Protein backbone atom coordinates (compact mmCIF):
# COMPACT_ATOMS: atom_id res chain seq x y z
CA UNK A 1 -117.07 -10.46 59.10
CA UNK A 2 -117.41 -9.91 62.79
CA UNK A 3 -114.18 -10.68 64.86
CA UNK A 4 -114.60 -11.27 68.29
CA UNK A 5 -111.49 -9.59 70.39
CA UNK A 6 -110.93 -10.45 73.99
CA UNK A 7 -110.08 -7.32 75.94
CA UNK A 8 -107.16 -8.21 78.27
CA UNK A 9 -106.63 -6.28 81.66
CA UNK A 10 -103.99 -3.66 81.56
CA UNK A 11 -101.52 -5.55 83.84
CA UNK A 12 -101.62 -8.44 81.90
CA UNK A 13 -100.83 -6.33 78.65
CA UNK A 14 -97.92 -4.53 80.51
CA UNK A 15 -96.50 -8.02 81.58
CA UNK A 16 -96.55 -9.22 78.17
CA UNK A 17 -94.88 -6.25 76.87
CA UNK A 18 -92.31 -6.27 79.36
CA UNK A 19 -91.40 -9.92 78.92
CA UNK A 20 -90.00 -8.51 75.79
CA UNK A 21 -90.34 -8.71 71.92
CA UNK A 22 -86.80 -9.42 70.59
CA UNK A 23 -85.53 -9.53 66.95
CA UNK A 24 -83.00 -12.45 66.01
CA UNK A 25 -80.07 -11.73 64.04
CA UNK A 26 -80.11 -13.18 60.41
CA UNK A 27 -77.28 -15.49 59.50
CA UNK A 28 -76.46 -13.70 56.41
CA UNK A 29 -76.46 -10.11 57.18
CA UNK A 30 -73.89 -9.25 54.56
CA UNK A 31 -74.35 -10.81 51.13
CA UNK A 32 -71.42 -11.74 49.01
CA UNK A 33 -71.57 -9.75 45.68
CA UNK A 34 -68.44 -11.36 44.06
CA UNK A 35 -65.34 -12.86 44.54
CA UNK A 36 -62.46 -12.25 42.37
CA UNK A 37 -59.08 -14.13 41.75
CA UNK A 38 -56.31 -11.86 41.41
CA UNK A 39 -52.43 -12.51 40.25
CA UNK A 40 -50.35 -13.17 43.24
CA UNK A 41 -51.07 -12.33 47.05
CA UNK A 42 -53.00 -9.17 47.70
CA UNK A 43 -50.97 -6.47 49.64
CA UNK A 44 -53.30 -3.33 49.41
CA UNK A 45 -56.87 -2.61 48.57
CA UNK A 46 -58.54 0.90 47.96
CA UNK A 47 -61.60 2.64 46.55
CA UNK A 48 -61.40 5.48 44.07
CA UNK A 49 -63.33 6.88 41.34
CA UNK A 50 -60.91 6.60 38.26
CA UNK A 51 -63.36 6.72 35.49
CA UNK A 52 -65.79 9.50 36.43
CA UNK A 53 -68.46 6.72 35.92
CA UNK A 54 -71.22 6.26 38.65
CA UNK A 55 -69.78 4.18 41.64
CA UNK A 56 -66.07 3.68 42.49
CA UNK A 57 -63.56 1.32 41.40
CA UNK A 58 -61.59 -1.18 43.48
CA UNK A 59 -57.70 -0.78 43.22
CA UNK A 60 -55.71 -3.67 44.04
CA UNK A 61 -51.86 -4.22 44.70
CA UNK A 62 -50.93 -7.86 44.63
CA UNK A 63 -47.62 -9.77 44.45
CA UNK A 64 -46.00 -13.00 43.63
CA UNK A 65 -42.61 -14.66 44.09
CA UNK A 66 -41.44 -16.32 40.95
CA UNK A 67 -38.44 -18.44 40.01
CA UNK A 68 -36.56 -15.50 38.82
CA UNK A 69 -37.68 -13.16 41.42
CA UNK A 70 -40.79 -11.22 42.46
CA UNK A 71 -43.54 -9.86 40.15
CA UNK A 72 -46.26 -7.20 41.04
CA UNK A 73 -49.51 -5.72 39.73
CA UNK A 74 -51.92 -2.93 40.18
CA UNK A 75 -55.39 -4.00 39.06
CA UNK A 76 -58.47 -2.00 38.62
CA UNK A 77 -61.86 -3.77 39.16
CA UNK A 78 -65.31 -2.08 38.40
CA UNK A 79 -68.23 -2.17 40.55
CA UNK A 80 -69.28 -5.77 39.17
CA UNK A 81 -66.01 -7.34 39.65
CA UNK A 82 -64.84 -7.07 36.06
CA UNK A 83 -60.99 -5.98 35.77
CA UNK A 84 -60.69 -2.89 33.71
CA UNK A 85 -57.11 -2.87 33.25
CA UNK A 86 -53.84 -4.14 34.96
CA UNK A 87 -50.42 -2.58 35.26
CA UNK A 88 -47.36 -4.99 35.66
CA UNK A 89 -44.63 -4.06 37.85
CA UNK A 90 -40.92 -5.49 37.92
CA UNK A 91 -41.22 -6.76 41.06
CA UNK A 92 -43.28 -7.18 44.24
CA UNK A 93 -45.10 -4.50 45.67
CA UNK A 94 -43.33 -3.00 48.82
CA UNK A 95 -45.68 -0.14 49.57
CA UNK A 96 -48.66 1.48 48.02
CA UNK A 97 -50.82 4.48 48.42
CA UNK A 98 -53.67 6.12 46.14
CA UNK A 99 -53.82 10.14 46.35
CA UNK A 100 -55.18 13.16 44.49
CA UNK A 101 -51.43 14.39 43.96
CA UNK A 102 -52.25 17.65 42.16
CA UNK A 103 -55.78 18.49 43.82
CA UNK A 104 -57.39 17.97 40.49
CA UNK A 105 -60.13 15.66 42.02
CA UNK A 106 -58.41 12.43 40.39
CA UNK A 107 -56.61 10.00 41.95
CA UNK A 108 -53.24 8.79 41.14
CA UNK A 109 -51.52 5.38 42.24
CA UNK A 110 -48.37 5.23 43.81
CA UNK A 111 -46.60 1.90 43.96
CA UNK A 112 -43.04 0.99 45.34
CA UNK A 113 -40.82 -1.77 43.88
CA UNK A 114 -37.38 -2.36 44.73
CA UNK A 115 -35.70 1.38 45.03
CA UNK A 116 -38.28 2.98 42.42
CA UNK A 117 -41.39 4.63 42.88
CA UNK A 118 -44.11 4.10 40.12
CA UNK A 119 -46.79 6.49 39.52
CA UNK A 120 -50.12 5.58 37.60
CA UNK A 121 -51.86 8.79 36.56
CA UNK A 122 -55.58 9.12 35.95
CA UNK A 123 -55.27 8.78 32.33
CA UNK A 124 -53.23 5.83 32.87
CA UNK A 125 -50.00 7.33 31.83
CA UNK A 126 -46.99 6.43 34.27
CA UNK A 127 -43.75 7.56 35.38
CA UNK A 128 -41.27 6.37 38.03
CA UNK A 129 -38.34 7.65 39.73
CA UNK A 130 -35.50 5.55 41.49
CA UNK A 131 -34.35 6.58 44.85
CA UNK A 132 -30.95 4.91 44.71
CA UNK A 133 -29.77 1.66 42.89
CA UNK A 134 -29.62 -1.32 45.42
CA UNK A 135 -31.85 0.62 47.76
CA UNK A 136 -34.94 -0.87 48.86
CA UNK A 137 -38.01 1.08 49.70
CA UNK A 138 -39.48 0.62 53.31
CA UNK A 139 -42.16 3.31 53.85
CA UNK A 140 -44.20 5.99 51.55
CA UNK A 141 -46.55 9.03 52.80
CA UNK A 142 -48.03 11.52 50.51
CA UNK A 143 -48.80 14.92 51.79
CA UNK A 144 -48.39 18.67 50.56
CA UNK A 145 -45.54 19.62 52.97
CA UNK A 146 -44.62 22.85 51.46
CA UNK A 147 -48.13 24.24 50.33
CA UNK A 148 -47.31 24.40 46.77
CA UNK A 149 -50.65 22.47 45.68
CA UNK A 150 -48.95 19.30 45.05
CA UNK A 151 -49.03 16.53 47.51
CA UNK A 152 -45.26 15.51 47.61
CA UNK A 153 -44.39 11.56 47.55
CA UNK A 154 -42.16 11.14 50.68
CA UNK A 155 -40.01 8.11 50.62
CA UNK A 156 -37.82 6.17 53.02
CA UNK A 157 -35.37 4.21 51.16
CA UNK A 158 -32.07 2.25 51.88
CA UNK A 159 -29.71 -0.58 51.65
CA UNK A 160 -28.97 -1.57 55.21
CA UNK A 161 -28.20 -0.10 58.79
CA UNK A 162 -25.76 2.20 57.41
CA UNK A 163 -27.01 3.73 53.99
CA UNK A 164 -30.60 5.03 54.56
CA UNK A 165 -32.37 8.21 53.21
CA UNK A 166 -35.49 10.19 53.00
CA UNK A 167 -36.48 11.35 49.78
CA UNK A 168 -39.06 14.10 48.96
CA UNK A 169 -40.53 13.83 45.27
CA UNK A 170 -42.14 17.07 43.70
CA UNK A 171 -44.28 18.05 41.03
CA UNK A 172 -41.57 17.98 38.75
CA UNK A 173 -41.03 14.30 39.21
CA UNK A 174 -37.79 15.11 40.78
CA UNK A 175 -36.21 15.19 44.25
CA UNK A 176 -36.92 18.44 46.37
CA UNK A 177 -34.30 17.18 48.72
CA UNK A 178 -32.92 13.85 50.01
CA UNK A 179 -31.55 13.33 53.79
CA UNK A 180 -29.41 10.66 55.16
CA UNK A 181 -31.43 9.10 58.34
CA UNK A 182 -30.41 6.73 60.86
CA UNK A 183 -31.90 3.10 60.55
CA UNK A 184 -34.09 1.71 57.67
CA UNK A 185 -37.60 3.71 57.40
CA UNK A 186 -40.48 1.36 58.20
CA UNK A 187 -43.31 4.25 58.87
CA UNK A 188 -43.72 7.77 57.52
CA UNK A 189 -46.20 10.37 58.62
CA UNK A 190 -46.50 14.13 58.16
CA UNK A 191 -48.72 16.80 59.99
CA UNK A 192 -48.43 20.22 61.34
CA UNK A 193 -47.62 19.03 64.99
CA UNK A 194 -46.77 22.16 66.69
CA UNK A 195 -49.13 24.76 65.12
CA UNK A 196 -46.73 26.52 63.33
CA UNK A 197 -48.44 26.44 59.95
CA UNK A 198 -45.53 24.05 58.96
CA UNK A 199 -45.86 20.36 58.32
CA UNK A 200 -43.24 18.34 60.19
CA UNK A 201 -42.26 14.79 58.78
CA UNK A 202 -42.06 11.97 61.17
CA UNK A 203 -39.96 8.89 60.29
CA UNK A 204 -39.84 5.67 62.26
CA UNK A 205 -37.03 3.19 61.77
CA UNK A 206 -36.60 -0.71 62.23
CA UNK A 207 -33.15 -2.64 63.28
CA UNK A 208 -30.99 -4.49 61.13
CA UNK A 209 -32.53 -6.86 58.26
CA UNK A 210 -35.89 -4.93 59.10
CA UNK A 211 -36.08 -6.97 62.38
CA UNK A 212 -38.48 -5.52 64.80
CA UNK A 213 -36.84 -6.77 68.04
CA UNK A 214 -34.19 -4.19 67.84
CA UNK A 215 -34.41 -0.34 69.40
CA UNK A 216 -35.38 2.29 66.90
CA UNK A 217 -36.08 5.93 66.60
CA UNK A 218 -38.48 8.10 65.61
CA UNK A 219 -37.07 11.34 63.97
CA UNK A 220 -38.86 14.56 63.01
CA UNK A 221 -37.97 16.81 60.41
CA UNK A 222 -39.28 20.38 59.32
CA UNK A 223 -40.36 20.33 55.76
CA UNK A 224 -36.97 21.67 54.28
CA UNK A 225 -35.22 18.49 55.95
CA UNK A 226 -33.93 19.90 59.11
CA UNK A 227 -33.99 17.75 62.35
CA UNK A 228 -36.32 18.86 65.13
CA UNK A 229 -35.85 15.86 67.47
CA UNK A 230 -35.48 12.27 67.86
CA UNK A 231 -37.29 9.73 70.04
CA UNK A 232 -35.94 6.19 71.07
CA UNK A 233 -38.07 3.16 71.20
CA UNK A 234 -37.58 -0.28 72.70
CA UNK A 235 -38.45 -2.13 69.29
CA UNK A 236 -38.99 -1.41 65.63
CA UNK A 237 -41.54 1.26 64.69
CA UNK A 238 -44.29 0.01 62.36
CA UNK A 239 -46.84 2.69 62.32
CA UNK A 240 -46.94 6.53 62.93
CA UNK A 241 -49.82 9.03 62.94
CA UNK A 242 -50.54 12.44 64.96
CA UNK A 243 -53.63 14.28 66.33
CA UNK A 244 -54.69 16.59 69.25
CA UNK A 245 -55.81 13.81 71.84
CA UNK A 246 -55.17 16.21 75.08
CA UNK A 247 -56.95 19.37 73.19
CA UNK A 248 -53.87 21.68 73.75
CA UNK A 249 -53.97 23.14 70.17
CA UNK A 250 -50.94 20.72 69.28
CA UNK A 251 -50.85 17.38 67.78
CA UNK A 252 -49.40 14.34 69.89
CA UNK A 253 -47.35 11.81 67.98
CA UNK A 254 -48.54 8.26 68.20
CA UNK A 255 -46.00 5.53 67.59
CA UNK A 256 -46.93 1.97 67.17
CA UNK A 257 -44.06 -0.65 67.56
CA UNK A 258 -43.75 -4.37 68.41
CA UNK A 259 -45.41 -4.89 71.80
CA UNK A 260 -45.63 -1.12 72.42
CA UNK A 261 -47.58 2.07 71.51
CA UNK A 262 -46.03 5.36 72.79
CA UNK A 263 -47.53 8.90 72.75
CA UNK A 264 -45.21 11.98 72.59
CA UNK A 265 -45.85 15.51 72.70
CA UNK A 266 -44.47 17.99 69.69
CA UNK A 267 -41.31 18.38 71.50
CA UNK A 268 -40.38 14.65 71.63
CA UNK A 269 -41.41 14.28 75.55
CA UNK A 270 -43.18 10.82 76.34
CA UNK A 271 -46.60 11.38 77.63
CA UNK A 272 -47.53 7.74 78.17
CA UNK A 273 -47.11 4.45 76.60
CA UNK A 274 -49.20 1.25 76.41
CA UNK A 275 -48.18 -2.27 76.12
CA UNK A 276 -49.86 -4.70 73.64
CA UNK A 277 -48.99 -8.63 73.14
CA UNK A 278 -48.13 -8.17 69.27
CA UNK A 279 -46.87 -5.83 66.66
CA UNK A 280 -49.07 -2.75 66.20
CA UNK A 281 -49.77 -2.45 62.50
CA UNK A 282 -52.79 0.25 62.41
CA UNK A 283 -53.71 3.24 64.78
CA UNK A 284 -56.83 5.11 64.41
CA UNK A 285 -58.00 8.19 66.41
CA UNK A 286 -61.63 8.58 66.03
CA UNK A 287 -64.71 9.14 68.38
CA UNK A 288 -66.55 5.66 67.36
CA UNK A 289 -69.25 5.71 69.93
CA UNK A 290 -70.26 9.30 69.29
CA UNK A 291 -69.91 10.54 73.11
CA UNK A 292 -67.56 13.65 72.04
CA UNK A 293 -64.53 12.14 73.01
CA UNK A 294 -61.58 10.52 71.06
CA UNK A 295 -60.60 6.91 71.29
CA UNK A 296 -57.46 5.39 70.15
CA UNK A 297 -58.06 2.17 68.14
CA UNK A 298 -54.85 -0.47 67.82
CA UNK A 299 -54.65 -3.24 65.37
CA UNK A 300 -52.15 -5.57 67.10
CA UNK A 301 -52.40 -9.17 68.17
CA UNK A 302 -55.80 -8.10 69.37
CA UNK A 303 -58.21 -4.80 68.64
CA UNK A 304 -57.52 -2.60 71.52
CA UNK A 305 -59.62 0.71 72.18
CA UNK A 306 -57.93 3.06 74.68
CA UNK A 307 -58.88 6.57 75.88
CA UNK A 308 -56.75 9.29 75.21
CA UNK A 309 -55.10 8.83 78.74
CA UNK A 310 -54.30 5.38 77.81
CA UNK A 311 -56.70 3.31 79.74
CA UNK A 312 -58.18 0.25 77.97
CA UNK A 313 -61.69 0.77 77.24
CA UNK A 314 -62.21 -2.67 75.70
CA UNK A 315 -60.55 -5.43 73.80
CA UNK A 316 -61.52 -8.08 71.47
CA UNK A 317 -59.67 -11.02 70.73
CA UNK A 318 -60.48 -11.13 67.18
CA UNK A 319 -57.14 -13.35 65.92
CA UNK A 320 -53.34 -13.94 66.18
CA UNK A 321 -52.55 -10.90 64.47
CA UNK A 322 -54.53 -7.85 63.13
CA UNK A 323 -53.13 -6.93 59.54
CA UNK A 324 -55.71 -4.08 58.61
CA UNK A 325 -58.51 -2.09 59.92
CA UNK A 326 -60.96 0.81 59.20
CA UNK A 327 -63.69 2.34 60.85
CA UNK A 328 -66.96 2.91 59.19
CA UNK A 329 -70.54 3.82 59.98
CA UNK A 330 -72.41 1.10 57.84
CA UNK A 331 -75.82 1.68 59.10
CA UNK A 332 -75.36 5.63 59.50
CA UNK A 333 -76.50 5.56 63.29
CA UNK A 334 -73.77 7.93 64.17
CA UNK A 335 -72.03 4.87 65.89
CA UNK A 336 -68.59 3.66 63.68
CA UNK A 337 -68.10 -0.04 63.30
CA UNK A 338 -64.38 -1.48 62.87
CA UNK A 339 -63.84 -3.73 59.99
CA UNK A 340 -60.89 -6.01 60.86
CA UNK A 341 -58.75 -8.06 58.56
CA UNK A 342 -56.99 -10.90 60.60
CA UNK A 343 -57.06 -14.79 60.10
CA UNK A 344 -60.71 -13.95 59.42
CA UNK A 345 -62.56 -10.92 58.84
CA UNK A 346 -64.31 -9.26 61.61
CA UNK A 347 -66.92 -6.34 61.88
CA UNK A 348 -67.24 -5.28 65.28
CA UNK A 349 -69.55 -2.28 66.82
CA UNK A 350 -68.53 0.48 68.81
CA UNK A 351 -68.60 -1.36 72.16
CA UNK A 352 -66.25 -4.03 70.90
CA UNK A 353 -68.95 -6.75 70.34
CA UNK A 354 -68.59 -8.90 67.14
CA UNK A 355 -71.39 -8.26 64.75
CA UNK A 356 -70.16 -10.44 61.72
CA UNK A 357 -67.14 -12.53 60.65
CA UNK A 358 -66.17 -14.34 57.40
CA UNK A 359 -63.82 -17.07 57.12
CA UNK A 360 -61.30 -17.06 54.21
CA UNK A 361 -58.97 -19.65 53.15
CA UNK A 362 -56.11 -17.04 53.56
CA UNK A 363 -55.37 -14.39 56.09
CA UNK A 364 -57.05 -11.03 55.31
CA UNK A 365 -54.41 -8.50 54.62
CA UNK A 366 -56.41 -5.44 53.41
CA UNK A 367 -59.64 -3.90 54.08
CA UNK A 368 -61.76 -1.10 52.97
CA UNK A 369 -65.42 -0.06 53.06
CA UNK A 370 -67.15 2.59 50.86
CA UNK A 371 -70.25 3.00 48.83
CA UNK A 372 -68.94 1.14 45.37
CA UNK A 373 -72.36 1.48 43.56
CA UNK A 374 -73.27 4.85 44.61
CA UNK A 375 -76.56 3.27 46.01
CA UNK A 376 -76.59 4.38 49.59
CA UNK A 377 -75.31 1.37 51.04
CA UNK A 378 -71.63 0.66 52.14
CA UNK A 379 -69.87 -2.31 50.56
CA UNK A 380 -67.21 -4.28 52.14
CA UNK A 381 -63.92 -5.29 50.32
CA UNK A 382 -61.71 -7.75 51.73
CA UNK A 383 -57.99 -8.88 49.98
CA UNK A 384 -56.34 -11.88 51.09
CA UNK A 385 -52.84 -13.25 50.96
CA UNK A 386 -53.94 -15.79 48.64
CA UNK A 387 -55.12 -13.35 46.04
CA UNK A 388 -58.94 -13.31 46.39
CA UNK A 389 -61.04 -10.05 46.56
CA UNK A 390 -64.25 -10.43 48.18
CA UNK A 391 -66.91 -7.80 48.16
CA UNK A 392 -69.93 -7.81 50.35
CA UNK A 393 -73.01 -5.55 50.39
CA UNK A 394 -74.52 -4.19 53.45
CA UNK A 395 -78.28 -3.34 52.20
CA UNK A 396 -79.62 -6.31 53.93
CA UNK A 397 -77.61 -5.44 57.40
CA UNK A 398 -78.40 -1.51 56.81
CA UNK A 399 -82.16 -2.54 56.34
CA UNK A 400 -82.51 -4.97 59.12
CA UNK A 401 -81.02 -2.40 61.64
CA UNK A 402 -83.43 0.32 60.49
CA UNK A 403 -86.21 -2.17 60.69
CA UNK A 404 -84.93 -3.08 64.26
CA UNK A 405 -84.71 0.63 65.10
CA UNK A 406 -88.36 0.98 63.96
CA UNK A 407 -89.54 -1.95 65.86
CA UNK A 408 -87.85 -0.49 69.20
CA UNK A 409 -89.15 2.85 68.95
CA UNK A 410 -92.73 1.28 68.45
CA UNK A 411 -92.08 -0.80 71.62
CA UNK A 412 -91.10 2.51 73.61
CA UNK A 413 -94.07 4.46 72.23
CA UNK A 414 -96.27 1.79 73.19
CA UNK A 415 -94.87 1.72 76.66
CA UNK A 416 -95.58 5.53 76.76
CA UNK A 417 -99.22 4.72 75.56
CA UNK A 418 -98.56 6.93 72.30
CA UNK A 419 -100.63 4.25 70.48
CA UNK A 420 -100.99 5.97 67.17
CA UNK A 421 -97.21 6.76 66.77
CA UNK A 422 -96.26 3.23 67.96
CA UNK A 423 -98.37 1.72 65.17
CA UNK A 424 -96.89 3.87 62.52
CA UNK A 425 -93.37 2.89 63.54
CA UNK A 426 -94.33 -0.95 63.78
CA UNK A 427 -95.92 -0.94 60.45
CA UNK A 428 -92.64 0.79 59.19
CA UNK A 429 -90.64 -2.38 60.70
CA UNK A 430 -93.01 -4.70 59.15
CA UNK A 431 -92.79 -3.34 55.65
CA UNK A 432 -88.74 -3.79 55.67
CA UNK A 433 -88.84 -7.34 57.48
CA UNK A 434 -91.22 -8.31 54.74
CA UNK A 435 -88.83 -7.07 52.01
CA UNK A 436 -86.25 -8.98 53.64
CA UNK A 437 -88.14 -12.23 53.98
CA UNK A 438 -87.17 -11.92 57.93
CA UNK A 439 -89.89 -14.39 59.30
CA UNK A 440 -88.89 -13.86 63.16
CA UNK A 441 -88.87 -10.09 62.67
CA UNK A 442 -92.33 -10.11 60.96
CA UNK A 443 -93.89 -12.46 63.71
CA UNK A 444 -92.37 -10.09 66.32
CA UNK A 445 -93.60 -6.87 64.89
CA UNK A 446 -97.08 -8.54 64.09
CA UNK A 447 -97.25 -9.34 67.85
CA UNK A 448 -96.52 -5.95 68.74
CA UNK A 449 -99.06 -4.68 66.56
CA UNK A 450 -101.85 -6.89 67.91
CA UNK A 451 -100.82 -6.02 71.48
CA UNK A 452 -101.60 -2.46 70.49
CA UNK A 453 -104.64 -3.16 69.00
CA UNK A 454 -105.61 -4.97 72.02
CA UNK A 455 -104.43 -2.24 74.14
CA UNK A 456 -106.14 0.32 72.19
CA UNK A 457 -109.45 -1.54 72.29
CA UNK A 458 -109.57 -1.72 76.05
CA UNK A 459 -108.54 1.96 75.91
CA UNK A 460 -111.44 2.79 73.78
CA UNK A 461 -113.76 0.59 75.94
CA UNK A 462 -112.50 2.37 79.19
CA UNK A 463 -112.91 5.73 77.68
CA UNK A 464 -116.57 4.76 76.52
CA UNK A 465 -117.19 3.95 80.17
CA UNK A 466 -115.35 7.03 81.46
CA UNK A 467 -117.52 9.56 79.10
CA UNK A 468 -120.64 7.57 80.13
CA UNK A 469 -119.96 8.17 83.74
CA UNK A 470 -119.09 11.74 83.24
CA UNK A 471 -122.06 12.35 80.96
CA UNK A 472 -124.35 10.89 83.84
CA UNK A 473 -122.58 13.16 86.34
CA UNK A 474 -123.03 16.29 84.15
CA UNK A 475 -126.73 15.34 83.44
CA UNK A 476 -127.26 14.97 87.11
CA UNK A 477 -125.62 18.04 88.19
CA UNK A 478 -127.51 20.21 85.85
CA UNK A 479 -130.62 18.79 87.21
CA UNK A 480 -129.47 19.59 90.71
CA UNK A 481 -129.03 15.89 91.52
CA UNK A 482 -125.83 16.40 93.51
CA UNK A 483 -125.43 12.99 95.02
CA UNK A 484 -125.56 11.27 91.83
CA UNK A 485 -123.47 13.80 90.00
CA UNK A 486 -120.69 13.21 92.82
CA UNK A 487 -121.05 9.64 92.48
CA UNK A 488 -120.84 9.38 88.77
CA UNK A 489 -118.09 12.17 88.59
CA UNK A 490 -115.86 9.88 91.05
CA UNK A 491 -116.44 6.72 88.70
CA UNK A 492 -115.44 8.83 85.73
CA UNK A 493 -112.52 10.29 87.29
CA UNK A 494 -110.81 6.83 88.42
CA UNK A 495 -111.21 5.84 84.87
CA UNK A 496 -109.84 9.03 83.37
CA UNK A 497 -106.84 8.64 85.72
CA UNK A 498 -106.04 5.19 84.15
CA UNK A 499 -106.33 7.05 80.82
CA UNK A 500 -104.05 9.93 82.06
CA UNK A 501 -106.67 12.53 80.69
CA UNK A 502 -106.10 15.06 83.00
CA UNK A 503 -108.52 17.79 81.43
CA UNK A 504 -111.15 15.20 82.27
CA UNK A 505 -109.90 14.35 85.66
CA UNK A 506 -109.97 18.27 86.49
CA UNK A 507 -113.77 18.45 84.89
CA UNK A 508 -114.74 15.64 87.10
CA UNK A 509 -113.03 17.43 90.24
CA UNK A 510 -115.00 20.62 89.66
CA UNK A 511 -118.12 18.63 89.50
CA UNK A 512 -117.43 16.62 92.66
CA UNK A 513 -116.34 19.97 94.65
CA UNK A 514 -119.52 21.84 93.24
CA UNK A 515 -121.71 19.08 94.02
CA UNK A 516 -120.31 18.93 97.72
CA UNK A 517 -120.77 22.62 98.08
CA UNK A 518 -124.43 22.33 96.99
CA UNK A 519 -125.05 19.37 99.06
CA UNK A 520 -123.74 21.14 102.08
CA UNK A 521 -126.10 24.06 101.56
CA UNK A 522 -129.03 21.77 101.01
CA UNK A 523 -127.98 20.17 104.34
CA UNK A 524 -127.77 23.43 105.98
CA UNK A 525 -131.37 24.16 104.73
CA UNK A 526 -132.80 21.17 105.82
CA UNK A 527 -131.04 21.38 109.15
CA UNK A 528 -132.38 25.08 109.43
CA UNK A 529 -135.81 23.86 108.34
CA UNK A 530 -135.86 20.90 110.68
CA UNK A 531 -134.75 23.10 113.66
CA UNK A 532 -137.26 25.51 113.11
CA UNK A 533 -140.08 23.02 112.95
CA UNK A 534 -138.72 21.57 116.10
CA UNK A 535 -138.56 24.90 118.10
CA UNK A 536 -142.26 25.73 116.75
């Protein structure tokens, strides 16, 4: 079958390309894998490989108020949403963590109820230790503070404004030491902030009855419990972390409170503070946009992203309150997305634009992302206050992002007239769009492939014409027909200029220059002969 293809002028083809070939976003870029209803409202969600099987398990902490008090559960789901086991607790979960305590590559689950710390080991055996009867645990943190190859469980517990203590639980399931503290612990963190090879412990407090509207303190202790310094805050402390944000070799302490972020140095001197319009429940410090500089991400009434000097980079009004957030590079492009738990679940890109949101019946209290199935694709897990676990797969989104990247690369290569490479990337994009049944993506990429084909035909026609003129110029040149040699070479040259064939342009220039040289010689000979004839 013969196909008649009309060759368009280069200017029209370029205009068509510049108008743009855009790919529309699919409405369902994250597919819901399963929705599991837990006992009680969800407080925490973690991912861990507890069973040594392929993939990861989903660890869920949930609580419920009953007529006789509270109840709590630690539940473990497999990658398909089936409950593997459940551990009942004697009350509501106050705080929870998952960590490899003894560095054996297997995680233990730590859950706090009333005054006690309950630890579920990888083999499902369990033990617990009580801080003190009538106490209530307000915060925990897990870290190896004394370099004994065991991550100590650091617990803040107390009964009110007067009786509050910090407890260190060691590998013998006993207290290494305990320390009376001023105020009720609400946030704990540990790190080597002053670069002395010893980990310091930072404890943030709240006011009476755990209210955030009272002034509070952050107190820093060394690993044996000696106080190093205290720092006062205007409102209750809700989150603490530390990292070296000014590249001085020592870590700065970032303190999240109601309405305020404080940044202090390793001696307790305030460096700067930032005002938000709500309680800061999460602080992350990461390079989310891959520019080589750290950003500070705050989960408060909105999501705030600051530079390390406290200047606002961007803000997204994701909801009245942010309850949890995590960074994750879902499509593995080097730029991190932000997964947000609020009234709705949100996914933001590194510039603060909303990629996706999912409306749940209850607030999203906990979020986590990871490769649950070990298939190379990130899964998103949401835990709601109503007790639902939602798990979404990102395969569709990741593939779409890859297809879009190939498509944009093809367009760039087309602009650069690298047609063979442009076609290769366009075909890659088409293959993925076809797999995803993305009709608009298929149409766009087929339009681009057609344009590449038309342009390729025009380029081939242009080259045939240029080569024809060049061959005529060369034949004329070797036949000493320098007038036609120069004329045909000029015609070939202008076409090679359009093709950006600099080698052939140079060859045309050589024929043109040599032809003009020999024409001058011939002219001189004719002139001399004419003069001689005239004089004779």
